[in-house]
C-alpha atoms as a PDB file:
ATOM      1  CA  MET A   1      -0.007  -0.015  -0.004  1.00  0.00           C
ATOM      2  CA  SER A   2       1.268   3.389  -0.850  1.00  0.00           C
ATOM      3  CA  THR A   3       1.686   6.272   1.574  1.00  0.00           C
ATOM      4  CA  ALA A   4      -0.997   8.256  -0.072  1.00  0.00           C
ATOM      5  CA  THR A   5      -3.523   5.359   0.231  1.00  0.00           C
ATOM      6  CA  ALA A   6      -2.494   4.843   3.799  1.00  0.00           C
ATOM      7  CA  ALA A   7      -2.884   8.577   4.487  1.00  0.00           C
ATOM      8  CA  LEU A   8      -6.317   8.547   2.777  1.00  0.00           C
ATOM      9  CA  ALA A   9      -7.381   5.504   4.699  1.00  0.00           C
ATOM     10  CA  GLY A  10      -6.235   7.137   7.962  1.00  0.00           C
ATOM     11  CA  LEU A  11      -8.136  10.357   7.082  1.00  0.00           C
ATOM     12  CA  VAL A  12     -11.301   8.398   6.204  1.00  0.00           C
ATOM     13  CA  LEU A  13     -10.924   6.462   9.468  1.00  0.00           C
ATOM     14  CA  ALA A  14     -10.424   9.649  11.495  1.00  0.00           C
ATOM     15  CA  VAL A  15     -13.536  11.322   9.804  1.00  0.00           C
ATOM     16  CA  ALA A  16     -15.529   8.147  10.381  1.00  0.00           C
ATOM     17  CA  THR A  17     -14.529   8.065  13.964  1.00  0.00           C
ATOM     18  CA  GLY A  18     -15.243  11.702  14.436  1.00  0.00           C
ATOM     19  CA  ILE A  19     -18.746  11.323  12.924  1.00  0.00           C
ATOM     20  CA  ALA A  20     -19.600   8.250  15.069  1.00  0.00           C
ATOM     21  CA  GLY A  21     -18.240  10.131  18.173  1.00  0.00           C
ATOM     22  CA  TYR A  22     -20.398  13.145  17.319  1.00  0.00           C
ATOM     23  CA  GLY A  23     -23.482  10.964  16.937  1.00  0.00           C
ATOM     24  CA  TYR A  24     -22.598   9.139  20.266  1.00  0.00           C
ATOM     25  CA  GLY A  25     -22.291  12.497  21.991  1.00  0.00           C
ATOM     26  CA  ILE A  26     -25.603  13.713  20.653  1.00  0.00           C
ATOM     27  CA  ASP A  27     -27.336  10.576  21.929  1.00  0.00           C
ATOM     28  CA  GLN A  28     -25.723  10.902  25.382  1.00  0.00           C
ATOM     29  CA  GLY A  29     -26.740  14.562  25.623  1.00  0.00           C
ATOM     30  CA  LYS A  30     -30.366  13.559  24.650  1.00  0.00           C
ATOM     31  CA  ALA A  31     -30.311  10.858  27.311  1.00  0.00           C
ATOM     32  CA  LEU A  32     -28.960  13.145  29.992  1.00  0.00           C
ATOM     33  CA  GLU A  33     -31.516  15.828  29.212  1.00  0.00           C
ATOM     34  CA  LYS A  34     -34.269  13.192  29.307  1.00  0.00           C
ATOM     35  CA  GLY A  35     -33.033  12.055  32.699  1.00  0.00           C
ATOM     36  CA  ARG A  36     -32.958  15.656  34.017  1.00  0.00           C
ATOM     37  CA  GLN A  37     -36.633  16.272  32.823  1.00  0.00           C
ATOM     38  CA  ASP A  38     -37.745  12.967  34.298  1.00  0.00           C
ATOM     39  CA  ALA A  39     -36.219  13.880  37.591  1.00  0.00           C
ATOM     40  CA  ALA A  40     -37.894  17.248  37.518  1.00  0.00           C
ATOM     41  CA  ALA A  41     -41.289  15.732  36.741  1.00  0.00           C
ATOM     42  CA  LEU A  42     -40.864  13.192  39.579  1.00  0.00           C
ATOM     43  CA  LYS A  43     -39.988  15.947  42.089  1.00  0.00           C
ATOM     44  CA  THR A  44     -43.038  17.854  41.004  1.00  0.00           C
ATOM     45  CA  LEU A  45     -45.311  14.844  41.328  1.00  0.00           C
ATOM     46  CA  THR A  46     -43.658  14.067  44.754  1.00  0.00           C
ATOM     47  CA  ASP A  47     -44.350  17.677  46.007  1.00  0.00           C
ATOM     48  CA  GLN A  48     -47.988  17.475  44.810  1.00  0.00           C
ATOM     49  CA  VAL A  49     -48.536  14.139  46.551  1.00  0.00           C
ATOM     50  CA  ASN A  50     -47.030  15.486  49.847  1.00  0.00           C
ATOM     51  CA  ALA A  51     -49.152  18.693  49.568  1.00  0.00           C
ATOM     52  CA  HIS A  52     -52.316  16.494  48.946  1.00  0.00           C
ATOM     53  CA  ALA A  53     -51.406  14.386  52.005  1.00  0.00           C
ATOM     54  CA  ASP A  54     -51.103  17.532  54.114  1.00  0.00           C
ATOM     55  CA  LEU A  55     -54.484  18.803  52.887  1.00  0.00           C
ATOM     56  CA  VAL A  56     -56.069  15.422  53.741  1.00  0.00           C
ATOM     57  CA  LYS A  57     -54.631  15.676  57.361  1.00  0.00           C
ATOM     58  CA  ARG A  58     -55.888  19.257  57.740  1.00  0.00           C
ATOM     59  CA  SER A  59     -59.261  18.457  56.435  1.00  0.00           C
ATOM     60  CA  SER A  60     -59.558  15.378  58.741  1.00  0.00           C
ATOM     61  CA  ALA A  61     -58.674  17.583  61.706  1.00  0.00           C
ATOM     62  CA  ALA A  62     -61.159  20.236  60.676  1.00  0.00           C
ATOM     63  CA  SER A  63     -63.859  17.441  60.176  1.00  0.00           C
ATOM     64  CA  ARG A  64     -63.216  16.059  63.656  1.00  0.00           C
ATOM     65  CA  ALA A  65     -63.406  19.545  65.200  1.00  0.00           C
ATOM     66  CA  LEU A  66     -66.634  20.240  63.379  1.00  0.00           C
ATOM     67  CA  ARG A  67     -68.129  16.875  64.553  1.00  0.00           C
ATOM     68  CA  ALA A  68     -67.226  17.667  68.132  1.00  0.00           C
ATOM     69  CA  ALA A  69     -68.793  21.220  67.907  1.00  0.00           C
ATOM     70  CA  MET A  70     -71.966  19.595  66.386  1.00  0.00           C
ATOM     71  CA  ALA A  71     -72.075  17.044  69.111  1.00  0.00           C
ATOM     72  CA  GLU A  72     -71.757  19.679  71.733  1.00  0.00           C
ATOM     73  CA  GLN A  73     -74.526  21.638  70.079  1.00  0.00           C
ATOM     74  CA  GLU A  74     -76.649  18.584  69.892  1.00  0.00           C
ATOM     75  CA  ARG A  75     -76.070  17.999  73.693  1.00  0.00           C
ATOM     76  CA  THR A  76     -77.156  21.542  74.454  1.00  0.00           C
ATOM     77  CA  ASN A  77     -80.203  21.161  72.314  1.00  0.00           C
ATOM     78  CA  THR A  78     -81.119  17.894  73.952  1.00  0.00           C
ATOM     79  CA  ALA A  79     -80.753  19.411  77.413  1.00  0.00           C
ATOM     80  CA  THR A  80     -82.861  22.449  76.465  1.00  0.00           C
ATOM     81  CA  THR A  81     -85.522  20.243  74.972  1.00  0.00           C
ATOM     82  CA  ARG A  82     -85.626  18.127  78.064  1.00  0.00           C
ATOM     83  CA  GLU A  83     -85.870  21.219  80.400  1.00  0.00           C
ATOM     84  CA  LEU A  84     -88.690  22.754  78.299  1.00  0.00           C
ATOM     85  CA  THR A  85     -90.468  19.475  78.173  1.00  0.00           C
ATOM     86  CA  HIS A  86     -90.314  19.007  81.935  1.00  0.00           C
ATOM     87  CA  GLU A  87     -91.404  22.627  82.577  1.00  0.00           C
ATOM     88  CA  LEU A  88     -94.269  22.478  80.091  1.00  0.00           C
ATOM     89  CA  THR A  89     -95.401  19.046  81.566  1.00  0.00           C
ATOM     90  CA  GLN A  90     -95.511  20.506  85.000  1.00  0.00           C
ATOM     91  CA  THR A  91     -97.501  23.576  84.016  1.00  0.00           C
ATOM     92  CA  ALA A  92     -99.691  22.007  81.333  1.00  0.00           C
ATOM     93  CA  ASP A  93    -102.958  23.171  83.155  1.00  0.00           C
ATOM     94  CA  SER A  94    -101.893  26.790  83.280  1.00  0.00           C
ATOM     95  CA  ARG A  95    -101.371  27.126  79.558  1.00  0.00           C
ATOM     96  CA  ALA A  96    -105.055  27.278  78.843  1.00  0.00           C
ATOM     97  CA  GLY A  97    -104.797  31.081  79.205  1.00  0.00           C
ATOM     98  CA  CYS A  98    -101.354  31.145  77.495  1.00  0.00           C
ATOM     99  CA  VAL A  99     -99.489  31.517  80.736  1.00  0.00           C
ATOM    100  CA  PHE A 100     -95.924  30.122  80.595  1.00  0.00           C
ATOM    101  CA  PRO A 101     -93.627  29.904  83.488  1.00  0.00           C
ATOM    102  CA  ALA A 102     -90.630  32.458  83.565  1.00  0.00           C
ATOM    103  CA  GLY A 103     -88.111  29.557  83.382  1.00  0.00           C
ATOM    104  CA  VAL A 104     -89.564  28.301  80.096  1.00  0.00           C
ATOM    105  CA  MET A 105     -89.578  31.889  78.645  1.00  0.00           C
ATOM    106  CA  ARG A 106     -85.970  32.332  79.718  1.00  0.00           C
ATOM    107  CA  ASN A 107     -85.118  28.954  78.088  1.00  0.00           C
ATOM    108  CA  LEU A 108     -86.898  29.934  74.967  1.00  0.00           C
ATOM    109  CA  ALA A 109     -85.128  33.272  74.806  1.00  0.00           C
ATOM    110  CA  ASP A 110     -81.709  31.595  75.306  1.00  0.00           C
ATOM    111  CA  ALA A 111     -82.453  29.015  72.724  1.00  0.00           C
ATOM    112  CA  ARG A 112     -83.470  31.814  70.268  1.00  0.00           C
ATOM    113  CA  ASP A 113     -80.317  33.744  71.051  1.00  0.00           C
ATOM    114  CA  ARG A 114     -78.149  30.649  70.505  1.00  0.00           C
ATOM    115  CA  ALA A 115     -79.910  29.825  67.221  1.00  0.00           C
ATOM    116  CA  ALA A 116     -79.418  33.448  65.985  1.00  0.00           C
ATOM    117  CA  GLU A 117     -75.736  33.423  67.045  1.00  0.00           C
ATOM    118  CA  ALA A 118     -75.120  30.146  65.219  1.00  0.00           C
ATOM    119  CA  ALA A 119     -76.899  31.282  62.134  1.00  0.00           C
ATOM    120  CA  ALA A 120     -74.945  34.469  62.074  1.00  0.00           C
ATOM    121  CA  SER A 121     -71.613  33.228  63.250  1.00  0.00           C
ATOM    122  CA  GLY A 122     -71.317  29.599  62.533  1.00  0.00           C
ATOM    123  CA  ILE A 123     -70.986  26.706  65.023  1.00  0.00           C
ATOM    124  CA  ARG A 124     -67.342  26.983  65.639  1.00  0.00           C
ATOM    125  CA  GLN A 125     -66.137  30.312  64.288  1.00  0.00           C
ATOM    126  CA  PRO A 126     -67.447  33.367  62.693  1.00  0.00           C
ATOM    127  CA  VAL A 127     -68.901  33.220  59.193  1.00  0.00           C
ATOM    128  CA  PRO A 128     -66.796  35.527  56.880  1.00  0.00           C
ATOM    129  CA  SER A 129     -68.537  38.636  55.965  1.00  0.00           C
ATOM    130  CA  ALA A 130     -69.977  39.008  52.401  1.00  0.00           C
ATOM    131  CA  ALA A 131     -67.730  40.720  49.861  1.00  0.00           C
ATOM    132  CA  PRO A 132     -68.998  44.187  48.940  1.00  0.00           C
ATOM    133  CA  GLY A 133     -71.196  44.187  45.915  1.00  0.00           C
ATOM    134  CA  PRO A 134     -70.631  46.231  42.731  1.00  0.00           C
ATOM    135  CA  GLY A 135     -72.658  49.180  44.149  1.00  0.00           C
ATOM    136  CA  ALA A 136     -70.914  49.153  47.518  1.00  0.00           C
ATOM    137  CA  ASP A 137     -68.716  52.193  46.708  1.00  0.00           C
ATOM    138  CA  ARG A 138     -71.698  54.521  46.073  1.00  0.00           C
END
């Protein structure tokens, strides 16, 4: 083989190796970028799952507190009903002329006040006030 042929073969081999190396580098770069994007997507999903788990815990706690407040309200209502029934049973004969004992009237007033407060302010905490309407600035 002549020197020119050997040099040409070496040049062709060097160019082919360079092209193959370039293609390999492109493939490696694509794989690295895909891995980076997959890691970012996994982190985003993990953060969302953790945030969801926190919301579930907080909503469970709020639900338990609301159930406790409603149970307390039910106990109060039951006690009031029992007291009213007892008072009304003892004074059934005097109601013919619409005369109610003072204790019954106090209990009715207290029950009315509690009902109004619960309607206006919620069972556990105040209900937020309504946002001003479009004509509120007039």
